[in-house]
Protein backbone atom coordinates (compact mmCIF):
# COMPACT_ATOMS: atom_id res chain seq x y z
CA UNK A 1 0.19 -0.38 0.28
CA UNK A 2 1.14 3.68 -0.49
CA UNK A 3 0.06 6.57 0.97
CA UNK A 4 2.59 10.42 0.58
CA UNK A 5 3.05 12.09 4.05
CA UNK A 6 0.53 14.35 4.70
CA UNK A 7 -2.17 10.47 4.40
CA UNK A 8 -0.56 9.45 7.18
CA UNK A 9 -0.46 12.73 9.23
CA UNK A 10 -4.03 13.22 8.57
CA UNK A 11 -3.81 9.39 10.56
CA UNK A 12 -2.06 10.19 12.77
CA UNK A 13 -3.68 13.60 13.77
CA UNK A 14 -6.51 11.99 14.33
CA UNK A 15 -4.87 9.52 17.17
CA UNK A 16 -3.33 11.54 19.11
CA UNK A 17 -6.65 13.56 19.58
CA UNK A 18 -7.51 12.73 23.25
CA UNK A 19 -9.97 9.80 24.07
CA UNK A 20 -10.44 8.94 20.70
CA UNK A 21 -10.32 5.17 20.92
CA UNK A 22 -9.90 2.69 18.68
CA UNK A 23 -13.41 2.14 17.82
CA UNK A 24 -14.12 5.61 17.75
CA UNK A 25 -11.71 5.93 15.50
CA UNK A 26 -12.18 2.90 13.23
CA UNK A 27 -15.77 3.57 12.90
CA UNK A 28 -15.02 7.31 12.22
CA UNK A 29 -12.90 5.91 9.82
CA UNK A 30 -15.69 3.72 8.27
CA UNK A 31 -17.94 6.56 8.79
CA UNK A 32 -16.25 9.30 6.70
CA UNK A 33 -14.17 7.40 4.75
CA UNK A 34 -11.04 8.61 5.49
CA UNK A 35 -9.37 10.87 9.07
CA UNK A 36 -8.69 13.16 6.79
CA UNK A 37 -12.77 13.55 6.11
CA UNK A 38 -13.36 13.36 9.75
CA UNK A 39 -10.73 16.20 10.81
CA UNK A 40 -12.84 18.49 8.06
CA UNK A 41 -16.37 17.50 9.37
CA UNK A 42 -18.23 19.78 10.91
CA UNK A 43 -20.29 18.52 14.73
CA UNK A 44 -23.49 17.97 13.35
CA UNK A 45 -22.44 15.84 10.90
CA UNK A 46 -19.65 14.17 13.83
CA UNK A 47 -21.80 13.50 16.48
CA UNK A 48 -24.53 12.00 13.57
CA UNK A 49 -22.46 10.79 11.62
CA UNK A 50 -20.19 9.61 13.71
CA UNK A 51 -21.68 8.24 16.21
CA UNK A 52 -19.96 10.20 18.97
CA UNK A 53 -20.76 12.68 22.01
CA UNK A 54 -21.07 16.29 21.32
CA UNK A 55 -17.48 17.40 23.47
CA UNK A 56 -15.81 14.34 21.37
CA UNK A 57 -17.06 16.33 18.30
CA UNK A 58 -15.94 20.23 19.98
CA UNK A 59 -12.65 17.77 21.18
CA UNK A 60 -12.18 16.63 16.93
CA UNK A 61 -12.87 20.08 15.88
CA UNK A 62 -9.73 21.07 18.85
CA UNK A 63 -7.63 18.53 16.89
CA UNK A 64 -4.71 17.86 18.48
CA UNK A 65 -2.58 18.63 20.66
CA UNK A 66 -0.45 22.87 20.18
CA UNK A 67 2.94 20.26 19.43
CA UNK A 68 1.19 17.92 17.25
CA UNK A 69 -0.16 21.31 14.23
CA UNK A 70 2.72 23.37 14.76
CA UNK A 71 4.91 20.59 13.67
CA UNK A 72 6.59 20.44 10.26
CA UNK A 73 5.60 18.98 7.78
CA UNK A 74 8.83 18.96 5.19
CA UNK A 75 7.73 16.51 2.50
CA UNK A 76 4.17 16.32 2.62
CA UNK A 77 3.40 15.36 -0.62
CA UNK A 78 6.24 12.47 -1.23
CA UNK A 79 4.69 9.31 -1.48
CA UNK A 80 6.35 6.47 1.36
CA UNK A 81 5.35 2.63 1.81
CA UNK A 82 3.05 1.21 4.76
CA UNK A 83 3.67 -1.89 5.45
């Protein structure tokens, strides 16, 4: 499977949100199609389509902690092989 670093970053950002466990992570990605789509979704869609609480939807909207958001993206368009 090949993916680019921007896609990988979205996977990691969603996983870094406090309170997102394995079940919620899988449910959200299945409902929205990708971690990037989850991160871009609005609160109302997250609650209805993703079946998360309003508090969790707010956490997703806020995103991961500031340190991760401010990390350099480097070669975000570069392709990488994922095993």
